[in-house]
Amino acid sequence: MPLFRFVFDEGAVLEDVTPIEFRDHKAAIVAAKKAARTTLIDVEEHDPTAWVVRVYNEPGELIRTVFVADLLKGTQ
């Protein structure tokens, strides 16, 4: 299975996740959206509307940017 990497951009902090195997890029994007929603549970004093999760494939190409603001609006 191919490897995908998520990079969480939460303002000034970039959190790079160890590559994870998914069956395809669609499964990786679904997992990235779920991970972004999960981070919202822990939000107390921060405004998450500018946060993004970038999904990279194994060669390092950006395949999707998940905007947390869109998740909050229900548009993704």
Protein backbone atom coordinates (compact mmCIF):
# COMPACT_ATOMS: atom_id res chain seq x y z
CA MET A 1 0.00 0.00 0.00
CA PRO A 2 1.23 3.52 -0.72
CA LEU A 3 2.42 5.82 2.04
CA PHE A 4 0.90 9.24 2.72
CA ARG A 5 2.05 11.98 5.08
CA PHE A 6 -0.06 14.64 6.79
CA VAL A 7 1.32 18.03 7.80
CA PHE A 8 -0.84 19.93 10.27
CA ASP A 9 -0.46 23.72 10.03
CA GLU A 10 -2.04 25.13 13.16
CA GLY A 11 -0.88 28.71 13.02
CA ALA A 12 2.80 28.95 13.95
CA VAL A 13 3.19 25.23 14.64
CA LEU A 14 3.76 22.71 11.87
CA GLU A 15 3.26 19.13 12.96
CA ASP A 16 4.52 16.51 10.53
CA VAL A 17 3.00 13.07 10.90
CA THR A 18 4.98 9.92 10.23
CA PRO A 19 3.96 8.44 6.87
CA ILE A 20 0.96 6.12 7.09
CA GLU A 21 -0.20 3.47 4.63
CA PHE A 22 -3.60 3.87 2.97
CA ARG A 23 -5.10 1.87 0.12
CA ASP A 24 -5.25 5.00 -2.08
CA HIS A 25 -5.25 8.80 -2.01
CA LYS A 26 -9.01 8.97 -1.39
CA ALA A 27 -8.66 6.97 1.84
CA ALA A 28 -5.78 9.24 2.90
CA ILE A 29 -7.89 12.36 2.33
CA VAL A 30 -10.80 10.92 4.33
CA ALA A 31 -8.38 10.15 7.18
CA ALA A 32 -6.92 13.67 7.01
CA LYS A 33 -10.38 15.20 7.34
CA LYS A 34 -11.13 12.94 10.29
CA ALA A 35 -7.83 13.90 11.93
CA ALA A 36 -8.58 17.59 11.39
CA ARG A 37 -12.00 17.21 13.01
CA THR A 38 -10.41 15.36 15.94
CA THR A 39 -8.02 18.27 16.58
CA LEU A 40 -11.03 20.56 16.95
CA ILE A 41 -12.11 18.64 20.05
CA ASP A 42 -9.02 19.85 21.89
CA VAL A 43 -9.38 23.50 20.85
CA GLU A 44 -10.03 25.84 23.74
CA GLU A 45 -8.23 29.14 23.38
CA HIS A 46 -7.30 29.05 19.70
CA ASP A 47 -9.12 30.05 16.55
CA PRO A 48 -8.82 27.03 14.24
CA THR A 49 -10.34 28.68 11.16
CA ALA A 50 -6.92 29.28 9.56
CA TRP A 51 -5.63 25.76 10.22
CA VAL A 52 -4.97 23.36 7.36
CA VAL A 53 -3.90 19.76 6.92
CA ARG A 54 -1.75 19.07 3.87
CA VAL A 55 -1.72 15.54 2.46
CA TYR A 56 1.40 14.39 0.59
CA ASN A 57 1.87 11.19 -1.36
CA GLU A 58 4.93 8.93 -1.13
CA PRO A 59 7.03 10.91 -3.65
CA GLY A 60 6.29 14.06 -1.61
CA GLU A 61 3.75 15.68 -3.93
CA LEU A 62 0.96 17.69 -2.32
CA ILE A 63 -2.29 15.95 -3.24
CA ARG A 64 -4.80 17.86 -1.11
CA THR A 65 -5.06 20.70 1.36
CA VAL A 66 -7.87 20.25 3.88
CA PHE A 67 -9.05 23.61 5.23
CA VAL A 68 -10.42 23.34 8.75
CA ALA A 69 -12.62 26.39 8.11
CA ASP A 70 -14.37 24.42 5.35
CA LEU A 71 -14.89 21.49 7.71
CA LEU A 72 -16.47 23.86 10.25
CA LYS A 73 -18.79 25.18 7.53
CA GLY A 74 -19.54 21.67 6.33
CA THR A 75 -18.31 22.34 2.79
CA GLN A 76 -15.76 19.49 2.65
